[in-house]
Amino acid sequence: MLLFKNAVLKPVMEELQVKGGNLLFVKDEGIYLMAEKGAYLDGRRQHIAYADDFDPRLPENEDWYENAGLEVGYDDFGEFLGRDFWGTFINQVLHKGCDVFIEVSETKIRAGYLEP
């Protein structure tokens, strides 16, 4: 199970609320969520929500690649998740401070939220 803490996910969800579009679920240099129409700052995405333990920029996550392979497979991917997916938890993230979890299997991606 991947956990996305409210503190890092809320700015991404705010972008989705304002700009619409899809939520991107990505595994390449880490595992993260970002808004399809997200803002850039100095040529880089301004808001990226890394899953707990899968942010390769942090020294304590030095095993992120092996752990990611076990969690979602070793191939890089990007999945477009529409409003029918992220709309089920946006209000809980923005207004109740909830974290979001994502579970990945060979056939589906499932998400939910955890109350603070």
PDB file of N, CA and C in Angstrom:
ATOM      1  N   MET A   1       0.842  -1.187   0.000  1.00  0.00           N
ATOM      2  CA  MET A   1       0.000   0.000   0.000  1.00  0.00           C
ATOM      3  C   MET A   1       0.882   1.243   0.000  1.00  0.00           C
ATOM      4  N   LEU A   2       0.560   2.184  -0.848  1.00  0.00           N
ATOM      5  CA  LEU A   2       1.264   3.467  -0.934  1.00  0.00           C
ATOM      6  C   LEU A   2       0.482   4.504  -0.145  1.00  0.00           C
ATOM      7  N   LEU A   3       1.186   5.302   0.645  1.00  0.00           N
ATOM      8  CA  LEU A   3       0.536   6.336   1.445  1.00  0.00           C
ATOM      9  C   LEU A   3       1.004   7.706   0.985  1.00  0.00           C
ATOM     10  N   PHE A   4       0.045   8.581   0.724  1.00  0.00           N
ATOM     11  CA  PHE A   4       0.315   9.963   0.327  1.00  0.00           C
ATOM     12  C   PHE A   4      -0.214  10.861   1.438  1.00  0.00           C
ATOM     13  N   LYS A   5       0.714  11.491   2.153  1.00  0.00           N
ATOM     14  CA  LYS A   5       0.335  12.336   3.286  1.00  0.00           C
ATOM     15  C   LYS A   5      -0.328  13.625   2.806  1.00  0.00           C
ATOM     16  N   ASN A   6      -1.253  14.098   3.601  1.00  0.00           N
ATOM     17  CA  ASN A   6      -2.019  15.293   3.267  1.00  0.00           C
ATOM     18  C   ASN A   6      -1.132  16.494   2.985  1.00  0.00           C
ATOM     19  N   ALA A   7      -0.078  16.672   3.752  1.00  0.00           N
ATOM     20  CA  ALA A   7       0.783  17.854   3.596  1.00  0.00           C
ATOM     21  C   ALA A   7       1.378  17.962   2.197  1.00  0.00           C
ATOM     22  N   VAL A   8       1.704  16.846   1.567  1.00  0.00           N
ATOM     23  CA  VAL A   8       2.284  16.879   0.220  1.00  0.00           C
ATOM     24  C   VAL A   8       1.228  16.739  -0.867  1.00  0.00           C
ATOM     25  N   LEU A   9       0.103  16.113  -0.536  1.00  0.00           N
ATOM     26  CA  LEU A   9      -0.941  15.876  -1.537  1.00  0.00           C
ATOM     27  C   LEU A   9      -1.889  17.062  -1.708  1.00  0.00           C
ATOM     28  N   LYS A  10      -2.114  17.804  -0.660  1.00  0.00           N
ATOM     29  CA  LYS A  10      -3.082  18.905  -0.720  1.00  0.00           C
ATOM     30  C   LYS A  10      -2.780  19.918  -1.827  1.00  0.00           C
ATOM     31  N   PRO A  11      -1.527  20.381  -2.030  1.00  0.00           N
ATOM     32  CA  PRO A  11      -1.273  21.325  -3.131  1.00  0.00           C
ATOM     33  C   PRO A  11      -1.593  20.737  -4.516  1.00  0.00           C
ATOM     34  N   VAL A  12      -1.368  19.446  -4.688  1.00  0.00           N
ATOM     35  CA  VAL A  12      -1.697  18.789  -5.957  1.00  0.00           C
ATOM     36  C   VAL A  12      -3.213  18.774  -6.151  1.00  0.00           C
ATOM     37  N   MET A  13      -3.945  18.462  -5.095  1.00  0.00           N
ATOM     38  CA  MET A  13      -5.406  18.408  -5.186  1.00  0.00           C
ATOM     39  C   MET A  13      -5.988  19.812  -5.401  1.00  0.00           C
ATOM     40  N   GLU A  14      -5.345  20.826  -4.832  1.00  0.00           N
ATOM     41  CA  GLU A  14      -5.796  22.203  -5.073  1.00  0.00           C
ATOM     42  C   GLU A  14      -5.632  22.564  -6.548  1.00  0.00           C
ATOM     43  N   GLU A  15      -4.521  22.142  -7.167  1.00  0.00           N
ATOM     44  CA  GLU A  15      -4.336  22.372  -8.602  1.00  0.00           C
ATOM     45  C   GLU A  15      -5.415  21.676  -9.414  1.00  0.00           C
ATOM     46  N   LEU A  16      -5.741  20.465  -9.048  1.00  0.00           N
ATOM     47  CA  LEU A  16      -6.801  19.725  -9.754  1.00  0.00           C
ATOM     48  C   LEU A  16      -8.138  20.441  -9.624  1.00  0.00           C
ATOM     49  N   GLN A  17      -8.432  20.940  -8.439  1.00  0.00           N
ATOM     50  CA  GLN A  17      -9.694  21.624  -8.208  1.00  0.00           C
ATOM     51  C   GLN A  17      -9.796  22.882  -9.073  1.00  0.00           C
ATOM     52  N   VAL A  18      -8.708  23.613  -9.193  1.00  0.00           N
ATOM     53  CA  VAL A  18      -8.708  24.868  -9.945  1.00  0.00           C
ATOM     54  C   VAL A  18      -8.635  24.633 -11.452  1.00  0.00           C
ATOM     55  N   LYS A  19      -7.731  23.758 -11.884  1.00  0.00           N
ATOM     56  CA  LYS A  19      -7.445  23.606 -13.315  1.00  0.00           C
ATOM     57  C   LYS A  19      -8.118  22.415 -13.969  1.00  0.00           C
ATOM     58  N   GLY A  20      -8.645  21.480 -13.190  1.00  0.00           N
ATOM     59  CA  GLY A  20      -9.259  20.287 -13.760  1.00  0.00           C
ATOM     60  C   GLY A  20      -8.202  19.363 -14.338  1.00  0.00           C
ATOM     61  N   GLY A  21      -8.635  18.481 -15.213  1.00  0.00           N
ATOM     62  CA  GLY A  21      -7.709  17.536 -15.820  1.00  0.00           C
ATOM     63  C   GLY A  21      -7.600  16.259 -15.024  1.00  0.00           C
ATOM     64  N   ASN A  22      -6.572  15.515 -15.308  1.00  0.00           N
ATOM     65  CA  ASN A  22      -6.350  14.220 -14.680  1.00  0.00           C
ATOM     66  C   ASN A  22      -5.306  14.309 -13.586  1.00  0.00           C
ATOM     67  N   LEU A  23      -5.372  13.349 -12.698  1.00  0.00           N
ATOM     68  CA  LEU A  23      -4.328  13.122 -11.722  1.00  0.00           C
ATOM     69  C   LEU A  23      -3.392  12.105 -12.355  1.00  0.00           C
ATOM     70  N   LEU A  24      -2.108  12.363 -12.326  1.00  0.00           N
ATOM     71  CA  LEU A  24      -1.141  11.428 -12.888  1.00  0.00           C
ATOM     72  C   LEU A  24      -0.506  10.632 -11.754  1.00  0.00           C
ATOM     73  N   PHE A  25      -0.547   9.322 -11.889  1.00  0.00           N
ATOM     74  CA  PHE A  25       0.080   8.394 -10.961  1.00  0.00           C
ATOM     75  C   PHE A  25       1.307   7.858 -11.679  1.00  0.00           C
ATOM     76  N   VAL A  26       2.494   8.169 -11.145  1.00  0.00           N
ATOM     77  CA  VAL A  26       3.736   7.941 -11.878  1.00  0.00           C
ATOM     78  C   VAL A  26       4.725   7.138 -11.032  1.00  0.00           C
ATOM     79  N   LYS A  27       5.434   6.251 -11.728  1.00  0.00           N
ATOM     80  CA  LYS A  27       6.601   5.584 -11.150  1.00  0.00           C
ATOM     81  C   LYS A  27       7.724   5.749 -12.147  1.00  0.00           C
ATOM     82  N   ASP A  28       8.712   6.543 -11.804  1.00  0.00           N
ATOM     83  CA  ASP A  28       9.964   6.659 -12.558  1.00  0.00           C
ATOM     84  C   ASP A  28      11.048   6.969 -11.536  1.00  0.00           C
ATOM     85  N   GLU A  29      11.365   8.212 -11.322  1.00  0.00           N
ATOM     86  CA  GLU A  29      12.287   8.582 -10.238  1.00  0.00           C
ATOM     87  C   GLU A  29      11.450   8.777  -8.978  1.00  0.00           C
ATOM     88  N   GLY A  30      11.022   7.698  -8.385  1.00  0.00           N
ATOM     89  CA  GLY A  30      10.135   7.709  -7.238  1.00  0.00           C
ATOM     90  C   GLY A  30       8.740   7.279  -7.655  1.00  0.00           C
ATOM     91  N   ILE A  31       7.837   7.296  -6.697  1.00  0.00           N
ATOM     92  CA  ILE A  31       6.415   7.055  -6.958  1.00  0.00           C
ATOM     93  C   ILE A  31       5.691   8.285  -6.465  1.00  0.00           C
ATOM     94  N   TYR A  32       4.875   8.876  -7.339  1.00  0.00           N
ATOM     95  CA  TYR A  32       4.260  10.142  -6.972  1.00  0.00           C
ATOM     96  C   TYR A  32       2.965  10.395  -7.736  1.00  0.00           C
ATOM     97  N   LEU A  33       2.238  11.403  -7.253  1.00  0.00           N
ATOM     98  CA  LEU A  33       1.034  11.916  -7.895  1.00  0.00           C
ATOM     99  C   LEU A  33       1.287  13.374  -8.259  1.00  0.00           C
ATOM    100  N   MET A  34       0.743  13.792  -9.393  1.00  0.00           N
ATOM    101  CA  MET A  34       0.822  15.203  -9.779  1.00  0.00           C
ATOM    102  C   MET A  34      -0.368  15.532 -10.658  1.00  0.00           C
ATOM    103  N   ALA A  35      -0.699  16.812 -10.724  1.00  0.00           N
ATOM    104  CA  ALA A  35      -1.797  17.274 -11.563  1.00  0.00           C
ATOM    105  C   ALA A  35      -1.330  17.362 -13.012  1.00  0.00           C
ATOM    106  N   GLU A  36      -2.160  16.878 -13.911  1.00  0.00           N
ATOM    107  CA  GLU A  36      -1.833  16.925 -15.339  1.00  0.00           C
ATOM    108  C   GLU A  36      -1.553  18.354 -15.792  1.00  0.00           C
ATOM    109  N   LYS A  37      -2.314  19.299 -15.275  1.00  0.00           N
ATOM    110  CA  LYS A  37      -2.175  20.697 -15.672  1.00  0.00           C
ATOM    111  C   LYS A  37      -1.480  21.508 -14.585  1.00  0.00           C
ATOM    112  N   GLY A  38      -0.558  20.886 -13.890  1.00  0.00           N
ATOM    113  CA  GLY A  38       0.126  21.524 -12.781  1.00  0.00           C
ATOM    114  C   GLY A  38       1.068  22.634 -13.211  1.00  0.00           C
ATOM    115  N   ALA A  39       1.341  23.525 -12.274  1.00  0.00           N
ATOM    116  CA  ALA A  39       2.205  24.678 -12.515  1.00  0.00           C
ATOM    117  C   ALA A  39       3.676  24.289 -12.510  1.00  0.00           C
ATOM    118  N   TYR A  40       4.454  25.073 -13.219  1.00  0.00           N
ATOM    119  CA  TYR A  40       5.915  24.904 -13.270  1.00  0.00           C
ATOM    120  C   TYR A  40       6.581  26.105 -12.616  1.00  0.00           C
ATOM    121  N   LEU A  41       7.739  25.858 -12.025  1.00  0.00           N
ATOM    122  CA  LEU A  41       8.566  26.907 -11.452  1.00  0.00           C
ATOM    123  C   LEU A  41      10.000  26.588 -11.845  1.00  0.00           C
ATOM    124  N   ASP A  42      10.643  27.493 -12.545  1.00  0.00           N
ATOM    125  CA  ASP A  42      12.018  27.285 -13.031  1.00  0.00           C
ATOM    126  C   ASP A  42      12.154  25.997 -13.832  1.00  0.00           C
ATOM    127  N   GLY A  43      11.142  25.709 -14.657  1.00  0.00           N
ATOM    128  CA  GLY A  43      11.186  24.541 -15.529  1.00  0.00           C
ATOM    129  C   GLY A  43      10.882  23.214 -14.860  1.00  0.00           C
ATOM    130  N   ARG A  44      10.481  23.241 -13.599  1.00  0.00           N
ATOM    131  CA  ARG A  44      10.162  22.009 -12.862  1.00  0.00           C
ATOM    132  C   ARG A  44       8.754  22.081 -12.314  1.00  0.00           C
ATOM    133  N   ARG A  45       8.134  20.924 -12.174  1.00  0.00           N
ATOM    134  CA  ARG A  45       6.801  20.872 -11.575  1.00  0.00           C
ATOM    135  C   ARG A  45       6.846  21.469 -10.181  1.00  0.00           C
ATOM    136  N   GLN A  46       5.893  22.335  -9.911  1.00  0.00           N
ATOM    137  CA  GLN A  46       5.866  22.995  -8.617  1.00  0.00           C
ATOM    138  C   GLN A  46       5.347  22.063  -7.513  1.00  0.00           C
ATOM    139  N   HIS A  47       4.349  21.226  -7.850  1.00  0.00           N
ATOM    140  CA  HIS A  47       3.748  20.362  -6.828  1.00  0.00           C
ATOM    141  C   HIS A  47       3.775  18.905  -7.273  1.00  0.00           C
ATOM    142  N   ILE A  48       4.510  18.111  -6.542  1.00  0.00           N
ATOM    143  CA  ILE A  48       4.555  16.666  -6.737  1.00  0.00           C
ATOM    144  C   ILE A  48       4.383  16.033  -5.367  1.00  0.00           C
ATOM    145  N   ALA A  49       3.462  15.087  -5.274  1.00  0.00           N
ATOM    146  CA  ALA A  49       3.209  14.405  -4.003  1.00  0.00           C
ATOM    147  C   ALA A  49       3.826  13.013  -4.055  1.00  0.00           C
ATOM    148  N   TYR A  50       4.980  12.856  -3.436  1.00  0.00           N
ATOM    149  CA  TYR A  50       5.632  11.549  -3.376  1.00  0.00           C
ATOM    150  C   TYR A  50       4.949  10.676  -2.330  1.00  0.00           C
ATOM    151  N   ALA A  51       4.848   9.401  -2.632  1.00  0.00           N
ATOM    152  CA  ALA A  51       4.370   8.436  -1.641  1.00  0.00           C
ATOM    153  C   ALA A  51       5.408   8.328  -0.529  1.00  0.00           C
ATOM    154  N   ASP A  52       4.928   8.095   0.673  1.00  0.00           N
ATOM    155  CA  ASP A  52       5.839   7.890   1.802  1.00  0.00           C
ATOM    156  C   ASP A  52       6.856   6.815   1.452  1.00  0.00           C
ATOM    157  N   ASP A  53       8.099   7.086   1.716  1.00  0.00           N
ATOM    158  CA  ASP A  53       9.226   6.169   1.513  1.00  0.00           C
ATOM    159  C   ASP A  53       9.645   6.005   0.047  1.00  0.00           C
ATOM    160  N   PHE A  54       9.069   6.785  -0.872  1.00  0.00           N
ATOM    161  CA  PHE A  54       9.401   6.634  -2.287  1.00  0.00           C
ATOM    162  C   PHE A  54       9.871   7.937  -2.937  1.00  0.00           C
ATOM    163  N   ASP A  55      10.371   8.862  -2.125  1.00  0.00           N
ATOM    164  CA  ASP A  55      10.946  10.104  -2.632  1.00  0.00           C
ATOM    165  C   ASP A  55      12.464   9.913  -2.704  1.00  0.00           C
ATOM    166  N   PRO A  56      13.014   9.734  -3.913  1.00  0.00           N
ATOM    167  CA  PRO A  56      14.443   9.423  -4.035  1.00  0.00           C
ATOM    168  C   PRO A  56      15.368  10.558  -3.620  1.00  0.00           C
ATOM    169  N   ARG A  57      14.833  11.753  -3.413  1.00  0.00           N
ATOM    170  CA  ARG A  57      15.663  12.879  -2.999  1.00  0.00           C
ATOM    171  C   ARG A  57      16.063  12.800  -1.536  1.00  0.00           C
ATOM    172  N   LEU A  58      15.362  11.983  -0.774  1.00  0.00           N
ATOM    173  CA  LEU A  58      15.626  11.878   0.661  1.00  0.00           C
ATOM    174  C   LEU A  58      16.573  10.723   0.955  1.00  0.00           C
ATOM    175  N   PRO A  59      17.644  10.984   1.698  1.00  0.00           N
ATOM    176  CA  PRO A  59      18.645   9.934   1.958  1.00  0.00           C
ATOM    177  C   PRO A  59      18.072   8.706   2.667  1.00  0.00           C
ATOM    178  N   GLU A  60      17.054   8.897   3.497  1.00  0.00           N
ATOM    179  CA  GLU A  60      16.478   7.752   4.209  1.00  0.00           C
ATOM    180  C   GLU A  60      15.706   6.810   3.283  1.00  0.00           C
ATOM    181  N   ASN A  61      15.481   7.233   2.035  1.00  0.00           N
ATOM    182  CA  ASN A  61      14.760   6.403   1.065  1.00  0.00           C
ATOM    183  C   ASN A  61      15.706   5.759   0.055  1.00  0.00           C
ATOM    184  N   GLU A  62      16.926   5.455   0.448  1.00  0.00           N
ATOM    185  CA  GLU A  62      17.910   4.934  -0.501  1.00  0.00           C
ATOM    186  C   GLU A  62      17.476   3.614  -1.132  1.00  0.00           C
ATOM    187  N   ASP A  63      16.577   2.883  -0.508  1.00  0.00           N
ATOM    188  CA  ASP A  63      16.086   1.617  -1.066  1.00  0.00           C
ATOM    189  C   ASP A  63      14.776   1.780  -1.826  1.00  0.00           C
ATOM    190  N   TRP A  64      14.450   3.010  -2.214  1.00  0.00           N
ATOM    191  CA  TRP A  64      13.156   3.247  -2.831  1.00  0.00           C
ATOM    192  C   TRP A  64      12.959   2.410  -4.093  1.00  0.00           C
ATOM    193  N   TYR A  65      13.993   2.229  -4.899  1.00  0.00           N
ATOM    194  CA  TYR A  65      13.833   1.528  -6.176  1.00  0.00           C
ATOM    195  C   TYR A  65      13.447   0.060  -5.954  1.00  0.00           C
ATOM    196  N   GLU A  66      14.145  -0.606  -5.072  1.00  0.00           N
ATOM    197  CA  GLU A  66      13.815  -2.012  -4.781  1.00  0.00           C
ATOM    198  C   GLU A  66      12.422  -2.118  -4.182  1.00  0.00           C
ATOM    199  N   ASN A  67      12.111  -1.226  -3.251  1.00  0.00           N
ATOM    200  CA  ASN A  67      10.794  -1.239  -2.628  1.00  0.00           C
ATOM    201  C   ASN A  67       9.693  -0.933  -3.639  1.00  0.00           C
ATOM    202  N   ALA A  68       9.960  -0.019  -4.565  1.00  0.00           N
ATOM    203  CA  ALA A  68       8.974   0.311  -5.607  1.00  0.00           C
ATOM    204  C   ALA A  68       8.724  -0.894  -6.494  1.00  0.00           C
ATOM    205  N   GLY A  69       9.781  -1.626  -6.823  1.00  0.00           N
ATOM    206  CA  GLY A  69       9.617  -2.819  -7.638  1.00  0.00           C
ATOM    207  C   GLY A  69       8.704  -3.829  -6.981  1.00  0.00           C
ATOM    208  N   LEU A  70       8.836  -3.980  -5.673  1.00  0.00           N
ATOM    209  CA  LEU A  70       7.975  -4.903  -4.941  1.00  0.00           C
ATOM    210  C   LEU A  70       6.539  -4.393  -4.855  1.00  0.00           C
ATOM    211  N   GLU A  71       6.398  -3.085  -4.777  1.00  0.00           N
ATOM    212  CA  GLU A  71       5.075  -2.481  -4.598  1.00  0.00           C
ATOM    213  C   GLU A  71       4.281  -2.384  -5.900  1.00  0.00           C
ATOM    214  N   VAL A  72       4.936  -1.922  -6.982  1.00  0.00           N
ATOM    215  CA  VAL A  72       4.204  -1.665  -8.234  1.00  0.00           C
ATOM    216  C   VAL A  72       4.885  -2.244  -9.470  1.00  0.00           C
ATOM    217  N   GLY A  73       5.984  -2.933  -9.297  1.00  0.00           N
ATOM    218  CA  GLY A  73       6.729  -3.480 -10.427  1.00  0.00           C
ATOM    219  C   GLY A  73       7.903  -2.577 -10.775  1.00  0.00           C
ATOM    220  N   TYR A  74       8.824  -3.107 -11.554  1.00  0.00           N
ATOM    221  CA  TYR A  74      10.059  -2.383 -11.859  1.00  0.00           C
ATOM    222  C   TYR A  74       9.961  -1.479 -13.088  1.00  0.00           C
ATOM    223  N   ASP A  75       8.957  -1.676 -13.925  1.00  0.00           N
ATOM    224  CA  ASP A  75       8.815  -0.828 -15.109  1.00  0.00           C
ATOM    225  C   ASP A  75       8.305   0.552 -14.723  1.00  0.00           C
ATOM    226  N   ASP A  76       8.810   1.582 -15.413  1.00  0.00           N
ATOM    227  CA  ASP A  76       8.287   2.932 -15.233  1.00  0.00           C
ATOM    228  C   ASP A  76       6.914   3.016 -15.884  1.00  0.00           C
ATOM    229  N   PHE A  77       6.052   3.863 -15.317  1.00  0.00           N
ATOM    230  CA  PHE A  77       4.726   4.043 -15.900  1.00  0.00           C
ATOM    231  C   PHE A  77       4.166   5.399 -15.519  1.00  0.00           C
ATOM    232  N   GLY A  78       3.143   5.797 -16.221  1.00  0.00           N
ATOM    233  CA  GLY A  78       2.344   6.963 -15.905  1.00  0.00           C
ATOM    234  C   GLY A  78       0.902   6.631 -16.222  1.00  0.00           C
ATOM    235  N   GLU A  79       0.036   6.722 -15.241  1.00  0.00           N
ATOM    236  CA  GLU A  79      -1.386   6.423 -15.413  1.00  0.00           C
ATOM    237  C   GLU A  79      -2.193   7.690 -15.241  1.00  0.00           C
ATOM    238  N   PHE A  80      -3.093   7.946 -16.189  1.00  0.00           N
ATOM    239  CA  PHE A  80      -4.018   9.061 -16.074  1.00  0.00           C
ATOM    240  C   PHE A  80      -5.215   8.602 -15.260  1.00  0.00           C
ATOM    241  N   LEU A  81      -5.484   9.298 -14.153  1.00  0.00           N
ATOM    242  CA  LEU A  81      -6.611   8.986 -13.292  1.00  0.00           C
ATOM    243  C   LEU A  81      -7.582  10.156 -13.345  1.00  0.00           C
ATOM    244  N   GLY A  82      -8.758   9.916 -13.877  1.00  0.00           N
ATOM    245  CA  GLY A  82      -9.740  10.980 -14.079  1.00  0.00           C
ATOM    246  C   GLY A  82     -10.501  11.344 -12.821  1.00  0.00           C
ATOM    247  N   ARG A  83     -11.392  12.308 -12.978  1.00  0.00           N
ATOM    248  CA  ARG A  83     -12.184  12.802 -11.844  1.00  0.00           C
ATOM    249  C   ARG A  83     -12.994  11.695 -11.184  1.00  0.00           C
ATOM    250  N   ASP A  84     -13.408  10.706 -11.962  1.00  0.00           N
ATOM    251  CA  ASP A  84     -14.145   9.597 -11.356  1.00  0.00           C
ATOM    252  C   ASP A  84     -13.283   8.864 -10.331  1.00  0.00           C
ATOM    253  N   PHE A  85     -11.973   8.997 -10.439  1.00  0.00           N
ATOM    254  CA  PHE A  85     -11.045   8.397  -9.475  1.00  0.00           C
ATOM    255  C   PHE A  85     -10.740   9.387  -8.354  1.00  0.00           C
ATOM    256  N   TRP A  86     -10.126  10.530  -8.676  1.00  0.00           N
ATOM    257  CA  TRP A  86      -9.697  11.454  -7.620  1.00  0.00           C
ATOM    258  C   TRP A  86     -10.852  12.221  -6.996  1.00  0.00           C
ATOM    259  N   GLY A  87     -11.980  12.305  -7.689  1.00  0.00           N
ATOM    260  CA  GLY A  87     -13.143  13.001  -7.134  1.00  0.00           C
ATOM    261  C   GLY A  87     -13.715  12.323  -5.910  1.00  0.00           C
ATOM    262  N   THR A  88     -13.366  11.044  -5.720  1.00  0.00           N
ATOM    263  CA  THR A  88     -13.881  10.318  -4.560  1.00  0.00           C
ATOM    264  C   THR A  88     -13.200  10.716  -3.258  1.00  0.00           C
ATOM    265  N   PHE A  89     -12.049  11.402  -3.330  1.00  0.00           N
ATOM    266  CA  PHE A  89     -11.363  11.769  -2.084  1.00  0.00           C
ATOM    267  C   PHE A  89     -10.883  13.216  -2.032  1.00  0.00           C
ATOM    268  N   ILE A  90     -11.149  14.036  -3.038  1.00  0.00           N
ATOM    269  CA  ILE A  90     -10.634  15.408  -3.034  1.00  0.00           C
ATOM    270  C   ILE A  90     -11.147  16.216  -1.840  1.00  0.00           C
ATOM    271  N   ASN A  91     -12.427  16.118  -1.520  1.00  0.00           N
ATOM    272  CA  ASN A  91     -12.958  16.900  -0.404  1.00  0.00           C
ATOM    273  C   ASN A  91     -12.356  16.475   0.925  1.00  0.00           C
ATOM    274  N   GLN A  92     -12.110  15.185   1.084  1.00  0.00           N
ATOM    275  CA  GLN A  92     -11.508  14.712   2.326  1.00  0.00           C
ATOM    276  C   GLN A  92     -10.076  15.228   2.473  1.00  0.00           C
ATOM    277  N   VAL A  93      -9.350  15.321   1.364  1.00  0.00           N
ATOM    278  CA  VAL A  93      -7.974  15.840   1.405  1.00  0.00           C
ATOM    279  C   VAL A  93      -7.984  17.333   1.689  1.00  0.00           C
ATOM    280  N   LEU A  94      -8.810  18.079   0.958  1.00  0.00           N
ATOM    281  CA  LEU A  94      -8.795  19.535   1.067  1.00  0.00           C
ATOM    282  C   LEU A  94      -9.423  20.066   2.348  1.00  0.00           C
ATOM    283  N   HIS A  95     -10.481  19.418   2.820  1.00  0.00           N
ATOM    284  CA  HIS A  95     -11.246  20.009   3.921  1.00  0.00           C
ATOM    285  C   HIS A  95     -11.163  19.254   5.244  1.00  0.00           C
ATOM    286  N   LYS A  96     -10.720  18.009   5.205  1.00  0.00           N
ATOM    287  CA  LYS A  96     -10.653  17.233   6.443  1.00  0.00           C
ATOM    288  C   LYS A  96      -9.238  16.807   6.814  1.00  0.00           C
ATOM    289  N   GLY A  97      -8.248  17.117   5.956  1.00  0.00           N
ATOM    290  CA  GLY A  97      -6.867  16.781   6.271  1.00  0.00           C
ATOM    291  C   GLY A  97      -6.527  15.312   6.138  1.00  0.00           C
ATOM    292  N   CYS A  98      -7.310  14.578   5.348  1.00  0.00           N
ATOM    293  CA  CYS A  98      -7.088  13.135   5.206  1.00  0.00           C
ATOM    294  C   CYS A  98      -5.870  12.831   4.338  1.00  0.00           C
ATOM    295  N   ASP A  99      -5.232  11.714   4.642  1.00  0.00           N
ATOM    296  CA  ASP A  99      -4.205  11.136   3.791  1.00  0.00           C
ATOM    297  C   ASP A  99      -4.904  10.218   2.794  1.00  0.00           C
ATOM    298  N   VAL A 100      -4.203   9.852   1.727  1.00  0.00           N
ATOM    299  CA  VAL A 100      -4.757   8.965   0.703  1.00  0.00           C
ATOM    300  C   VAL A 100      -3.844   7.753   0.560  1.00  0.00           C
ATOM    301  N   PHE A 101      -4.466   6.587   0.384  1.00  0.00           N
ATOM    302  CA  PHE A 101      -3.680   5.395   0.086  1.00  0.00           C
ATOM    303  C   PHE A 101      -4.045   4.899  -1.305  1.00  0.00           C
ATOM    304  N   ILE A 102      -3.089   4.266  -1.943  1.00  0.00           N
ATOM    305  CA  ILE A 102      -3.316   3.632  -3.237  1.00  0.00           C
ATOM    306  C   ILE A 102      -2.763   2.218  -3.159  1.00  0.00           C
ATOM    307  N   GLU A 103      -3.566   1.276  -3.613  1.00  0.00           N
ATOM    308  CA  GLU A 103      -3.156  -0.122  -3.721  1.00  0.00           C
ATOM    309  C   GLU A 103      -3.167  -0.495  -5.191  1.00  0.00           C
ATOM    310  N   VAL A 104      -2.118  -1.185  -5.618  1.00  0.00           N
ATOM    311  CA  VAL A 104      -1.964  -1.550  -7.023  1.00  0.00           C
ATOM    312  C   VAL A 104      -1.906  -3.069  -7.133  1.00  0.00           C
ATOM    313  N   SER A 105      -2.711  -3.602  -8.051  1.00  0.00           N
ATOM    314  CA  SER A 105      -2.616  -5.024  -8.376  1.00  0.00           C
ATOM    315  C   SER A 105      -2.350  -5.134  -9.872  1.00  0.00           C
ATOM    316  N   GLU A 106      -2.261  -6.334 -10.368  1.00  0.00           N
ATOM    317  CA  GLU A 106      -2.013  -6.517 -11.801  1.00  0.00           C
ATOM    318  C   GLU A 106      -3.178  -6.032 -12.653  1.00  0.00           C
ATOM    319  N   THR A 107      -4.375  -5.937 -12.074  1.00  0.00           N
ATOM    320  CA  THR A 107      -5.554  -5.591 -12.866  1.00  0.00           C
ATOM    321  C   THR A 107      -6.223  -4.275 -12.493  1.00  0.00           C
ATOM    322  N   LYS A 108      -5.858  -3.690 -11.343  1.00  0.00           N
ATOM    323  CA  LYS A 108      -6.548  -2.449 -10.963  1.00  0.00           C
ATOM    324  C   LYS A 108      -5.739  -1.609 -10.004  1.00  0.00           C
ATOM    325  N   ILE A 109      -6.168  -0.352  -9.926  1.00  0.00           N
ATOM    326  CA  ILE A 109      -5.626   0.606  -8.971  1.00  0.00           C
ATOM    327  C   ILE A 109      -6.796   1.037  -8.098  1.00  0.00           C
ATOM    328  N   ARG A 110      -6.625   0.921  -6.792  1.00  0.00           N
ATOM    329  CA  ARG A 110      -7.691   1.263  -5.856  1.00  0.00           C
ATOM    330  C   ARG A 110      -7.164   2.307  -4.896  1.00  0.00           C
ATOM    331  N   ALA A 111      -8.005   3.266  -4.549  1.00  0.00           N
ATOM    332  CA  ALA A 111      -7.595   4.317  -3.610  1.00  0.00           C
ATOM    333  C   ALA A 111      -8.660   4.517  -2.547  1.00  0.00           C
ATOM    334  N   GLY A 112      -8.233   5.099  -1.462  1.00  0.00           N
ATOM    335  CA  GLY A 112      -9.128   5.477  -0.385  1.00  0.00           C
ATOM    336  C   GLY A 112      -8.446   6.531   0.460  1.00  0.00           C
ATOM    337  N   TYR A 113      -9.145   6.961   1.484  1.00  0.00           N
ATOM    338  CA  TYR A 113      -8.576   7.987   2.353  1.00  0.00           C
ATOM    339  C   TYR A 113      -8.587   7.528   3.799  1.00  0.00           C
ATOM    340  N   LEU A 114      -7.695   8.121   4.583  1.00  0.00           N
ATOM    341  CA  LEU A 114      -7.566   7.810   6.000  1.00  0.00           C
ATOM    342  C   LEU A 114      -7.805   9.085   6.795  1.00  0.00           C
ATOM    343  N   GLU A 115      -8.693   9.011   7.740  1.00  0.00           N
ATOM    344  CA  GLU A 115      -8.998  10.166   8.591  1.00  0.00           C
ATOM    345  C   GLU A 115      -7.787  10.502   9.454  1.00  0.00           C
ATOM    346  N   PRO A 116      -7.575  11.804   9.725  1.00  0.00           N
ATOM    347  CA  PRO A 116      -6.437  12.182  10.588  1.00  0.00           C
ATOM    348  C   PRO A 116      -6.657  11.761  12.041  1.00  0.00           C
TER     349      PRO A 116
END
